[in-house]
PDB file of N, CA and C in Angstrom:
ATOM      1  N   MET A   1       0.844  -1.175   0.000  1.00  0.00           N
ATOM      2  CA  MET A   1       0.000   0.000   0.000  1.00  0.00           C
ATOM      3  C   MET A   1       0.891   1.240   0.000  1.00  0.00           C
ATOM      4  N   LYS A   2       0.526   2.199  -0.789  1.00  0.00           N
ATOM      5  CA  LYS A   2       1.303   3.436  -0.877  1.00  0.00           C
ATOM      6  C   LYS A   2       1.151   4.264   0.390  1.00  0.00           C
ATOM      7  N   ALA A   3       2.251   4.863   0.808  1.00  0.00           N
ATOM      8  CA  ALA A   3       2.235   5.694   2.013  1.00  0.00           C
ATOM      9  C   ALA A   3       1.280   6.873   1.861  1.00  0.00           C
ATOM     10  N   ASP A   4       1.146   7.394   0.646  1.00  0.00           N
ATOM     11  CA  ASP A   4       0.237   8.523   0.416  1.00  0.00           C
ATOM     12  C   ASP A   4      -1.211   8.159   0.741  1.00  0.00           C
ATOM     13  N   ALA A   5      -1.556   6.885   0.596  1.00  0.00           N
ATOM     14  CA  ALA A   5      -2.930   6.462   0.861  1.00  0.00           C
ATOM     15  C   ALA A   5      -3.282   6.608   2.339  1.00  0.00           C
ATOM     16  N   LEU A   6      -2.274   6.601   3.195  1.00  0.00           N
ATOM     17  CA  LEU A   6      -2.515   6.729   4.635  1.00  0.00           C
ATOM     18  C   LEU A   6      -2.691   8.165   5.091  1.00  0.00           C
ATOM     19  N   ARG A   7      -2.216   9.082   4.285  1.00  0.00           N
ATOM     20  CA  ARG A   7      -2.261  10.487   4.685  1.00  0.00           C
ATOM     21  C   ARG A   7      -3.675  10.878   5.104  1.00  0.00           C
ATOM     22  N   GLY A   8      -3.783  11.398   6.299  1.00  0.00           N
ATOM     23  CA  GLY A   8      -5.084  11.827   6.810  1.00  0.00           C
ATOM     24  C   GLY A   8      -5.860  10.733   7.519  1.00  0.00           C
ATOM     25  N   HIS A   9      -5.354   9.489   7.492  1.00  0.00           N
ATOM     26  CA  HIS A   9      -6.086   8.381   8.100  1.00  0.00           C
ATOM     27  C   HIS A   9      -5.324   7.706   9.239  1.00  0.00           C
ATOM     28  N   LEU A  10      -4.060   8.040   9.419  1.00  0.00           N
ATOM     29  CA  LEU A  10      -3.253   7.373  10.424  1.00  0.00           C
ATOM     30  C   LEU A  10      -3.843   7.524  11.827  1.00  0.00           C
ATOM     31  N   ASP A  11      -4.290   8.714  12.177  1.00  0.00           N
ATOM     32  CA  ASP A  11      -4.845   8.929  13.511  1.00  0.00           C
ATOM     33  C   ASP A  11      -6.052   8.019  13.743  1.00  0.00           C
ATOM     34  N   SER A  12      -6.925   7.914  12.765  1.00  0.00           N
ATOM     35  CA  SER A  12      -8.102   7.052  12.891  1.00  0.00           C
ATOM     36  C   SER A  12      -7.698   5.595  13.054  1.00  0.00           C
ATOM     37  N   LEU A  13      -6.710   5.166  12.296  1.00  0.00           N
ATOM     38  CA  LEU A  13      -6.249   3.783  12.377  1.00  0.00           C
ATOM     39  C   LEU A  13      -5.668   3.480  13.759  1.00  0.00           C
ATOM     40  N   ILE A  14      -4.898   4.398  14.288  1.00  0.00           N
ATOM     41  CA  ILE A  14      -4.321   4.208  15.619  1.00  0.00           C
ATOM     42  C   ILE A  14      -5.427   4.163  16.672  1.00  0.00           C
ATOM     43  N   LEU A  15      -6.357   5.092  16.606  1.00  0.00           N
ATOM     44  CA  LEU A  15      -7.452   5.093  17.573  1.00  0.00           C
ATOM     45  C   LEU A  15      -8.241   3.788  17.499  1.00  0.00           C
ATOM     46  N   ALA A  16      -8.428   3.260  16.309  1.00  0.00           N
ATOM     47  CA  ALA A  16      -9.197   2.023  16.140  1.00  0.00           C
ATOM     48  C   ALA A  16      -8.505   0.828  16.792  1.00  0.00           C
ATOM     49  N   VAL A  17      -7.192   0.708  16.656  1.00  0.00           N
ATOM     50  CA  VAL A  17      -6.531  -0.447  17.264  1.00  0.00           C
ATOM     51  C   VAL A  17      -6.424  -0.292  18.785  1.00  0.00           C
ATOM     52  N   VAL A  18      -6.315   0.925  19.262  1.00  0.00           N
ATOM     53  CA  VAL A  18      -6.240   1.150  20.703  1.00  0.00           C
ATOM     54  C   VAL A  18      -7.630   1.021  21.337  1.00  0.00           C
ATOM     55  N   ASP A  19      -8.670   1.135  20.535  1.00  0.00           N
ATOM     56  CA  ASP A  19     -10.043   0.997  21.028  1.00  0.00           C
ATOM     57  C   ASP A  19     -10.269  -0.387  21.636  1.00  0.00           C
ATOM     58  N   GLU A  20      -9.622  -1.398  21.102  1.00  0.00           N
ATOM     59  CA  GLU A  20      -9.822  -2.763  21.589  1.00  0.00           C
ATOM     60  C   GLU A  20      -9.189  -2.995  22.946  1.00  0.00           C
ATOM     61  N   GLN A  21      -8.011  -2.415  23.162  1.00  0.00           N
ATOM     62  CA  GLN A  21      -7.302  -2.566  24.438  1.00  0.00           C
ATOM     63  C   GLN A  21      -6.128  -1.605  24.477  1.00  0.00           C
ATOM     64  N   PRO A  22      -5.701  -1.224  25.667  1.00  0.00           N
ATOM     65  CA  PRO A  22      -4.509  -0.372  25.764  1.00  0.00           C
ATOM     66  C   PRO A  22      -3.295  -1.113  25.197  1.00  0.00           C
ATOM     67  N   LEU A  23      -2.467  -0.390  24.453  1.00  0.00           N
ATOM     68  CA  LEU A  23      -1.300  -0.992  23.807  1.00  0.00           C
ATOM     69  C   LEU A  23      -0.109  -0.058  23.900  1.00  0.00           C
ATOM     70  N   HIS A  24       1.082  -0.631  23.892  1.00  0.00           N
ATOM     71  CA  HIS A  24       2.291   0.175  23.794  1.00  0.00           C
ATOM     72  C   HIS A  24       2.595   0.399  22.308  1.00  0.00           C
ATOM     73  N   GLY A  25       3.504   1.318  22.022  1.00  0.00           N
ATOM     74  CA  GLY A  25       3.762   1.747  20.649  1.00  0.00           C
ATOM     75  C   GLY A  25       4.052   0.629  19.672  1.00  0.00           C
ATOM     76  N   TYR A  26       4.969  -0.274  20.018  1.00  0.00           N
ATOM     77  CA  TYR A  26       5.304  -1.348  19.086  1.00  0.00           C
ATOM     78  C   TYR A  26       4.115  -2.285  18.885  1.00  0.00           C
ATOM     79  N   ALA A  27       3.330  -2.525  19.943  1.00  0.00           N
ATOM     80  CA  ALA A  27       2.139  -3.364  19.811  1.00  0.00           C
ATOM     81  C   ALA A  27       1.110  -2.706  18.890  1.00  0.00           C
ATOM     82  N   ILE A  28       1.050  -1.387  18.881  1.00  0.00           N
ATOM     83  CA  ILE A  28       0.155  -0.676  17.958  1.00  0.00           C
ATOM     84  C   ILE A  28       0.601  -0.916  16.522  1.00  0.00           C
ATOM     85  N   ILE A  29       1.898  -0.829  16.285  1.00  0.00           N
ATOM     86  CA  ILE A  29       2.434  -1.084  14.943  1.00  0.00           C
ATOM     87  C   ILE A  29       2.106  -2.507  14.512  1.00  0.00           C
ATOM     88  N   GLU A  30       2.300  -3.463  15.420  1.00  0.00           N
ATOM     89  CA  GLU A  30       2.004  -4.868  15.121  1.00  0.00           C
ATOM     90  C   GLU A  30       0.512  -5.078  14.871  1.00  0.00           C
ATOM     91  N   ALA A  31      -0.345  -4.410  15.647  1.00  0.00           N
ATOM     92  CA  ALA A  31      -1.792  -4.538  15.451  1.00  0.00           C
ATOM     93  C   ALA A  31      -2.214  -3.983  14.096  1.00  0.00           C
ATOM     94  N   LEU A  32      -1.633  -2.862  13.700  1.00  0.00           N
ATOM     95  CA  LEU A  32      -1.939  -2.295  12.379  1.00  0.00           C
ATOM     96  C   LEU A  32      -1.503  -3.259  11.275  1.00  0.00           C
ATOM     97  N   ARG A  33      -0.324  -3.829  11.429  1.00  0.00           N
ATOM     98  CA  ARG A  33       0.183  -4.782  10.448  1.00  0.00           C
ATOM     99  C   ARG A  33      -0.719  -6.025  10.402  1.00  0.00           C
ATOM    100  N   GLY A  34      -1.060  -6.547  11.564  1.00  0.00           N
ATOM    101  CA  GLY A  34      -1.874  -7.760  11.633  1.00  0.00           C
ATOM    102  C   GLY A  34      -3.281  -7.562  11.107  1.00  0.00           C
ATOM    103  N   ARG A  35      -3.928  -6.487  11.519  1.00  0.00           N
ATOM    104  CA  ARG A  35      -5.311  -6.246  11.085  1.00  0.00           C
ATOM    105  C   ARG A  35      -5.409  -5.900   9.616  1.00  0.00           C
ATOM    106  N   SER A  36      -4.307  -5.472   9.035  1.00  0.00           N
ATOM    107  CA  SER A  36      -4.317  -5.129   7.604  1.00  0.00           C
ATOM    108  C   SER A  36      -3.786  -6.275   6.744  1.00  0.00           C
ATOM    109  N   GLY A  37      -3.550  -7.425   7.346  1.00  0.00           N
ATOM    110  CA  GLY A  37      -3.008  -8.542   6.577  1.00  0.00           C
ATOM    111  C   GLY A  37      -1.608  -8.259   6.064  1.00  0.00           C
ATOM    112  N   GLY A  38      -0.863  -7.457   6.806  1.00  0.00           N
ATOM    113  CA  GLY A  38       0.508  -7.128   6.422  1.00  0.00           C
ATOM    114  C   GLY A  38       0.633  -5.971   5.444  1.00  0.00           C
ATOM    115  N   GLN A  39      -0.474  -5.374   5.064  1.00  0.00           N
ATOM    116  CA  GLN A  39      -0.450  -4.277   4.093  1.00  0.00           C
ATOM    117  C   GLN A  39       0.032  -2.961   4.705  1.00  0.00           C
ATOM    118  N   LEU A  40      -0.162  -2.794   5.995  1.00  0.00           N
ATOM    119  CA  LEU A  40       0.288  -1.569   6.666  1.00  0.00           C
ATOM    120  C   LEU A  40       1.528  -1.892   7.488  1.00  0.00           C
ATOM    121  N   ASP A  41       2.643  -1.403   7.050  1.00  0.00           N
ATOM    122  CA  ASP A  41       3.903  -1.570   7.772  1.00  0.00           C
ATOM    123  C   ASP A  41       4.434  -0.164   8.039  1.00  0.00           C
ATOM    124  N   ILE A  42       3.922   0.431   9.096  1.00  0.00           N
ATOM    125  CA  ILE A  42       4.182   1.834   9.378  1.00  0.00           C
ATOM    126  C   ILE A  42       5.408   1.951  10.273  1.00  0.00           C
ATOM    127  N   PRO A  43       6.377   2.756   9.883  1.00  0.00           N
ATOM    128  CA  PRO A  43       7.607   2.869  10.678  1.00  0.00           C
ATOM    129  C   PRO A  43       7.368   3.559  12.024  1.00  0.00           C
ATOM    130  N   THR A  44       8.221   3.217  12.981  1.00  0.00           N
ATOM    131  CA  THR A  44       8.112   3.805  14.313  1.00  0.00           C
ATOM    132  C   THR A  44       8.232   5.324  14.262  1.00  0.00           C
ATOM    133  N   GLY A  45       9.020   5.841  13.327  1.00  0.00           N
ATOM    134  CA  GLY A  45       9.206   7.278  13.190  1.00  0.00           C
ATOM    135  C   GLY A  45       7.949   8.000  12.741  1.00  0.00           C
ATOM    136  N   THR A  46       6.954   7.256  12.323  1.00  0.00           N
ATOM    137  CA  THR A  46       5.661   7.826  11.952  1.00  0.00           C
ATOM    138  C   THR A  46       4.662   7.643  13.083  1.00  0.00           C
ATOM    139  N   VAL A  47       4.687   6.480  13.723  1.00  0.00           N
ATOM    140  CA  VAL A  47       3.688   6.158  14.741  1.00  0.00           C
ATOM    141  C   VAL A  47       3.908   6.938  16.038  1.00  0.00           C
ATOM    142  N   TYR A  48       5.134   6.993  16.528  1.00  0.00           N
ATOM    143  CA  TYR A  48       5.355   7.637  17.827  1.00  0.00           C
ATOM    144  C   TYR A  48       5.011   9.130  17.830  1.00  0.00           C
ATOM    145  N   PRO A  49       5.347   9.900  16.795  1.00  0.00           N
ATOM    146  CA  PRO A  49       4.884  11.296  16.785  1.00  0.00           C
ATOM    147  C   PRO A  49       3.357  11.395  16.750  1.00  0.00           C
ATOM    148  N   ALA A  50       2.705  10.462  16.038  1.00  0.00           N
ATOM    149  CA  ALA A  50       1.239  10.459  15.992  1.00  0.00           C
ATOM    150  C   ALA A  50       0.664  10.170  17.377  1.00  0.00           C
ATOM    151  N   LEU A  51       1.277   9.252  18.106  1.00  0.00           N
ATOM    152  CA  LEU A  51       0.820   8.954  19.467  1.00  0.00           C
ATOM    153  C   LEU A  51       0.946  10.179  20.363  1.00  0.00           C
ATOM    154  N   ARG A  52       2.044  10.872  20.276  1.00  0.00           N
ATOM    155  CA  ARG A  52       2.229  12.096  21.081  1.00  0.00           C
ATOM    156  C   ARG A  52       1.205  13.160  20.689  1.00  0.00           C
ATOM    157  N   ARG A  53       0.943  13.288  19.390  1.00  0.00           N
ATOM    158  CA  ARG A  53      -0.038  14.270  18.909  1.00  0.00           C
ATOM    159  C   ARG A  53      -1.441  13.919  19.414  1.00  0.00           C
ATOM    160  N   LEU A  54      -1.809  12.635  19.354  1.00  0.00           N
ATOM    161  CA  LEU A  54      -3.131  12.211  19.803  1.00  0.00           C
ATOM    162  C   LEU A  54      -3.288  12.373  21.315  1.00  0.00           C
ATOM    163  N   GLU A  55      -2.208  12.150  22.041  1.00  0.00           N
ATOM    164  CA  GLU A  55      -2.255  12.355  23.497  1.00  0.00           C
ATOM    165  C   GLU A  55      -2.386  13.845  23.812  1.00  0.00           C
ATOM    166  N   ALA A  56      -1.640  14.677  23.122  1.00  0.00           N
ATOM    167  CA  ALA A  56      -1.716  16.130  23.338  1.00  0.00           C
ATOM    168  C   ALA A  56      -3.112  16.663  23.004  1.00  0.00           C
ATOM    169  N   ALA A  57      -3.772  16.042  22.015  1.00  0.00           N
ATOM    170  CA  ALA A  57      -5.119  16.457  21.627  1.00  0.00           C
ATOM    171  C   ALA A  57      -6.178  15.956  22.607  1.00  0.00           C
ATOM    172  N   GLY A  58      -5.778  15.082  23.528  1.00  0.00           N
ATOM    173  CA  GLY A  58      -6.724  14.562  24.515  1.00  0.00           C
ATOM    174  C   GLY A  58      -7.440  13.296  24.083  1.00  0.00           C
ATOM    175  N   TYR A  59      -7.043  12.701  22.968  1.00  0.00           N
ATOM    176  CA  TYR A  59      -7.704  11.488  22.479  1.00  0.00           C
ATOM    177  C   TYR A  59      -7.128  10.218  23.092  1.00  0.00           C
ATOM    178  N   LEU A  60      -5.904  10.273  23.563  1.00  0.00           N
ATOM    179  CA  LEU A  60      -5.260   9.137  24.204  1.00  0.00           C
ATOM    180  C   LEU A  60      -4.774   9.542  25.588  1.00  0.00           C
ATOM    181  N   THR A  61      -4.763   8.575  26.473  1.00  0.00           N
ATOM    182  CA  THR A  61      -4.085   8.725  27.760  1.00  0.00           C
ATOM    183  C   THR A  61      -2.951   7.716  27.756  1.00  0.00           C
ATOM    184  N   SER A  62      -1.964   7.929  28.586  1.00  0.00           N
ATOM    185  CA  SER A  62      -0.859   6.976  28.630  1.00  0.00           C
ATOM    186  C   SER A  62      -0.398   6.758  30.062  1.00  0.00           C
ATOM    187  N   GLY A  63       0.247   5.651  30.242  1.00  0.00           N
ATOM    188  CA  GLY A  63       0.819   5.312  31.525  1.00  0.00           C
ATOM    189  C   GLY A  63       1.893   4.274  31.297  1.00  0.00           C
ATOM    190  N   TRP A  64       2.652   4.008  32.314  1.00  0.00           N
ATOM    191  CA  TRP A  64       3.744   3.045  32.170  1.00  0.00           C
ATOM    192  C   TRP A  64       3.272   1.666  32.583  1.00  0.00           C
ATOM    193  N   SER A  65       3.714   0.654  31.816  1.00  0.00           N
ATOM    194  CA  SER A  65       3.437  -0.738  32.141  1.00  0.00           C
ATOM    195  C   SER A  65       4.706  -1.542  31.918  1.00  0.00           C
ATOM    196  N   THR A  66       4.731  -2.730  32.468  1.00  0.00           N
ATOM    197  CA  THR A  66       5.867  -3.616  32.256  1.00  0.00           C
ATOM    198  C   THR A  66       5.387  -4.804  31.440  1.00  0.00           C
ATOM    199  N   THR A  67       6.013  -5.002  30.286  1.00  0.00           N
ATOM    200  CA  THR A  67       5.684  -6.101  29.388  1.00  0.00           C
ATOM    201  C   THR A  67       6.961  -6.869  29.104  1.00  0.00           C
ATOM    202  N   ALA A  68       6.935  -8.163  29.387  1.00  0.00           N
ATOM    203  CA  ALA A  68       8.106  -9.018  29.166  1.00  0.00           C
ATOM    204  C   ALA A  68       9.345  -8.431  29.842  1.00  0.00           C
ATOM    205  N   GLY A  69       9.147  -7.899  31.040  1.00  0.00           N
ATOM    206  CA  GLY A  69      10.269  -7.348  31.794  1.00  0.00           C
ATOM    207  C   GLY A  69      10.753  -5.985  31.355  1.00  0.00           C
ATOM    208  N   ARG A  70      10.067  -5.396  30.368  1.00  0.00           N
ATOM    209  CA  ARG A  70      10.456  -4.066  29.879  1.00  0.00           C
ATOM    210  C   ARG A  70       9.382  -3.052  30.228  1.00  0.00           C
ATOM    211  N   ARG A  71       9.834  -1.888  30.632  1.00  0.00           N
ATOM    212  CA  ARG A  71       8.913  -0.784  30.914  1.00  0.00           C
ATOM    213  C   ARG A  71       8.536  -0.102  29.618  1.00  0.00           C
ATOM    214  N   ARG A  72       7.241   0.041  29.395  1.00  0.00           N
ATOM    215  CA  ARG A  72       6.760   0.653  28.145  1.00  0.00           C
ATOM    216  C   ARG A  72       5.604   1.591  28.443  1.00  0.00           C
ATOM    217  N   ARG A  73       5.516   2.630  27.614  1.00  0.00           N
ATOM    218  CA  ARG A  73       4.385   3.550  27.716  1.00  0.00           C
ATOM    219  C   ARG A  73       3.214   2.904  26.972  1.00  0.00           C
ATOM    220  N   THR A  74       2.113   2.764  27.698  1.00  0.00           N
ATOM    221  CA  THR A  74       0.923   2.129  27.139  1.00  0.00           C
ATOM    222  C   THR A  74      -0.146   3.198  26.914  1.00  0.00           C
ATOM    223  N   TYR A  75      -0.807   3.123  25.772  1.00  0.00           N
ATOM    224  CA  TYR A  75      -1.802   4.129  25.385  1.00  0.00           C
ATOM    225  C   TYR A  75      -3.195   3.527  25.411  1.00  0.00           C
ATOM    226  N   ALA A  76      -4.162   4.331  25.852  1.00  0.00           N
ATOM    227  CA  ALA A  76      -5.573   3.935  25.883  1.00  0.00           C
ATOM    228  C   ALA A  76      -6.410   5.109  25.383  1.00  0.00           C
ATOM    229  N   LEU A  77      -7.601   4.795  24.886  1.00  0.00           N
ATOM    230  CA  LEU A  77      -8.501   5.855  24.435  1.00  0.00           C
ATOM    231  C   LEU A  77      -9.101   6.579  25.634  1.00  0.00           C
ATOM    232  N   SER A  78      -9.157   7.880  25.531  1.00  0.00           N
ATOM    233  CA  SER A  78      -9.875   8.695  26.518  1.00  0.00           C
ATOM    234  C   SER A  78     -11.331   8.762  26.071  1.00  0.00           C
ATOM    235  N   SER A  79     -12.171   9.371  26.871  1.00  0.00           N
ATOM    236  CA  SER A  79     -13.573   9.517  26.450  1.00  0.00           C
ATOM    237  C   SER A  79     -13.658  10.390  25.197  1.00  0.00           C
ATOM    238  N   ALA A  80     -12.809  11.409  25.104  1.00  0.00           N
ATOM    239  CA  ALA A  80     -12.771  12.236  23.884  1.00  0.00           C
ATOM    240  C   ALA A  80     -12.297  11.402  22.701  1.00  0.00           C
ATOM    241  N   GLY A  81     -11.382  10.473  22.937  1.00  0.00           N
ATOM    242  CA  GLY A  81     -10.903   9.590  21.877  1.00  0.00           C
ATOM    243  C   GLY A  81     -11.996   8.673  21.370  1.00  0.00           C
ATOM    244  N   HIS A  82     -12.828   8.169  22.278  1.00  0.00           N
ATOM    245  CA  HIS A  82     -13.960   7.321  21.862  1.00  0.00           C
ATOM    246  C   HIS A  82     -14.924   8.114  20.983  1.00  0.00           C
ATOM    247  N   ARG A  83     -15.203   9.343  21.385  1.00  0.00           N
ATOM    248  CA  ARG A  83     -16.111  10.184  20.583  1.00  0.00           C
ATOM    249  C   ARG A  83     -15.500  10.503  19.227  1.00  0.00           C
ATOM    250  N   ALA A  84     -14.209  10.832  19.213  1.00  0.00           N
ATOM    251  CA  ALA A  84     -13.534  11.158  17.952  1.00  0.00           C
ATOM    252  C   ALA A  84     -13.525   9.950  17.023  1.00  0.00           C
ATOM    253  N   LEU A  85     -13.256   8.773  17.566  1.00  0.00           N
ATOM    254  CA  LEU A  85     -13.232   7.565  16.745  1.00  0.00           C
ATOM    255  C   LEU A  85     -14.614   7.280  16.165  1.00  0.00           C
ATOM    256  N   ALA A  86     -15.654   7.437  16.955  1.00  0.00           N
ATOM    257  CA  ALA A  86     -17.012   7.216  16.448  1.00  0.00           C
ATOM    258  C   ALA A  86     -17.313   8.165  15.290  1.00  0.00           C
ATOM    259  N   THR A  87     -16.936   9.411  15.442  1.00  0.00           N
ATOM    260  CA  THR A  87     -17.136  10.395  14.369  1.00  0.00           C
ATOM    261  C   THR A  87     -16.328  10.030  13.135  1.00  0.00           C
ATOM    262  N   GLN A  88     -15.065   9.657  13.335  1.00  0.00           N
ATOM    263  CA  GLN A  88     -14.198   9.307  12.208  1.00  0.00           C
ATOM    264  C   GLN A  88     -14.701   8.069  11.483  1.00  0.00           C
ATOM    265  N   ARG A  89     -15.258   7.124  12.210  1.00  0.00           N
ATOM    266  CA  ARG A  89     -15.830   5.927  11.563  1.00  0.00           C
ATOM    267  C   ARG A  89     -17.018   6.311  10.693  1.00  0.00           C
ATOM    268  N   GLN A  90     -17.886   7.177  11.196  1.00  0.00           N
ATOM    269  CA  GLN A  90     -19.038   7.632  10.405  1.00  0.00           C
ATOM    270  C   GLN A  90     -18.579   8.379   9.156  1.00  0.00           C
ATOM    271  N   GLU A  91     -17.594   9.247   9.323  1.00  0.00           N
ATOM    272  CA  GLU A  91     -17.068  10.003   8.180  1.00  0.00           C
ATOM    273  C   GLU A  91     -16.439   9.076   7.162  1.00  0.00           C
ATOM    274  N   TRP A  92     -15.745   8.028   7.620  1.00  0.00           N
ATOM    275  CA  TRP A  92     -15.113   7.083   6.708  1.00  0.00           C
ATOM    276  C   TRP A  92     -16.163   6.324   5.890  1.00  0.00           C
ATOM    277  N   VAL A  93     -17.228   5.886   6.530  1.00  0.00           N
ATOM    278  CA  VAL A  93     -18.283   5.166   5.817  1.00  0.00           C
ATOM    279  C   VAL A  93     -18.879   6.060   4.734  1.00  0.00           C
ATOM    280  N   ALA A  94     -19.175   7.299   5.062  1.00  0.00           N
ATOM    281  CA  ALA A  94     -19.739   8.231   4.080  1.00  0.00           C
ATOM    282  C   ALA A  94     -18.748   8.484   2.949  1.00  0.00           C
ATOM    283  N   PHE A  95     -17.482   8.725   3.288  1.00  0.00           N
ATOM    284  CA  PHE A  95     -16.450   8.989   2.286  1.00  0.00           C
ATOM    285  C   PHE A  95     -16.253   7.784   1.373  1.00  0.00           C
ATOM    286  N   SER A  96     -16.178   6.587   1.955  1.00  0.00           N
ATOM    287  CA  SER A  96     -15.939   5.400   1.129  1.00  0.00           C
ATOM    288  C   SER A  96     -17.116   5.121   0.191  1.00  0.00           C
ATOM    289  N   LYS A  97     -18.328   5.432   0.612  1.00  0.00           N
ATOM    290  CA  LYS A  97     -19.489   5.273  -0.265  1.00  0.00           C
ATOM    291  C   LYS A  97     -19.390   6.212  -1.475  1.00  0.00           C
ATOM    292  N   VAL A  98     -18.985   7.445  -1.222  1.00  0.00           N
ATOM    293  CA  VAL A  98     -18.850   8.416  -2.301  1.00  0.00           C
ATOM    294  C   VAL A  98     -17.750   7.976  -3.278  1.00  0.00           C
ATOM    295  N   VAL A  99     -16.599   7.566  -2.762  1.00  0.00           N
ATOM    296  CA  VAL A  99     -15.490   7.143  -3.623  1.00  0.00           C
ATOM    297  C   VAL A  99     -15.894   5.903  -4.403  1.00  0.00           C
ATOM    298  N   SER A 100     -16.560   4.948  -3.765  1.00  0.00           N
ATOM    299  CA  SER A 100     -17.002   3.735  -4.470  1.00  0.00           C
ATOM    300  C   SER A 100     -17.973   4.079  -5.584  1.00  0.00           C
ATOM    301  N   ALA A 101     -18.874   5.019  -5.322  1.00  0.00           N
ATOM    302  CA  ALA A 101     -19.830   5.426  -6.357  1.00  0.00           C
ATOM    303  C   ALA A 101     -19.122   6.043  -7.557  1.00  0.00           C
ATOM    304  N   VAL A 102     -18.089   6.827  -7.300  1.00  0.00           N
ATOM    305  CA  VAL A 102     -17.372   7.480  -8.396  1.00  0.00           C
ATOM    306  C   VAL A 102     -16.507   6.478  -9.151  1.00  0.00           C
ATOM    307  N   LEU A 103     -15.843   5.564  -8.434  1.00  0.00           N
ATOM    308  CA  LEU A 103     -14.935   4.626  -9.085  1.00  0.00           C
ATOM    309  C   LEU A 103     -15.622   3.451  -9.758  1.00  0.00           C
ATOM    310  N   SER A 104     -16.844   3.143  -9.347  1.00  0.00           N
ATOM    311  CA  SER A 104     -17.558   2.022  -9.946  1.00  0.00           C
ATOM    312  C   SER A 104     -17.954   2.349 -11.382  1.00  0.00           C
ATOM    313  N   PRO A 105     -17.881   1.334 -12.235  1.00  0.00           N
ATOM    314  CA  PRO A 105     -18.295   1.587 -13.620  1.00  0.00           C
ATOM    315  C   PRO A 105     -19.774   1.959 -13.695  1.00  0.00           C
ATOM    316  N   SER A 106     -20.105   2.833 -14.610  1.00  0.00           N
ATOM    317  CA  SER A 106     -21.497   3.299 -14.744  1.00  0.00           C
ATOM    318  C   SER A 106     -22.386   2.257 -15.345  1.00  0.00           C
TER     319      SER A 106
END
């Protein structure tokens, strides 16, 4: 998948995988890769700034956890994050319907 295709959607994708359970940064990358069937292989240099941006916006909360003996910052959706994700899901459904209508043969 082209990196340009993700532009404008990365925040929604991150919120969606964190919606299921709190995750640390690398686990978020793995969840994106797994849920996309390996199509999304997003570098850490892209994900970690997005996590900081989403936390600063109030959509994520974070705390420290220990996983496999390592201390990691774990991210969870805030109540504002749940609302934002619900809105983004609705917008995505509407947008994808419009794009499908335009791209489908007449």
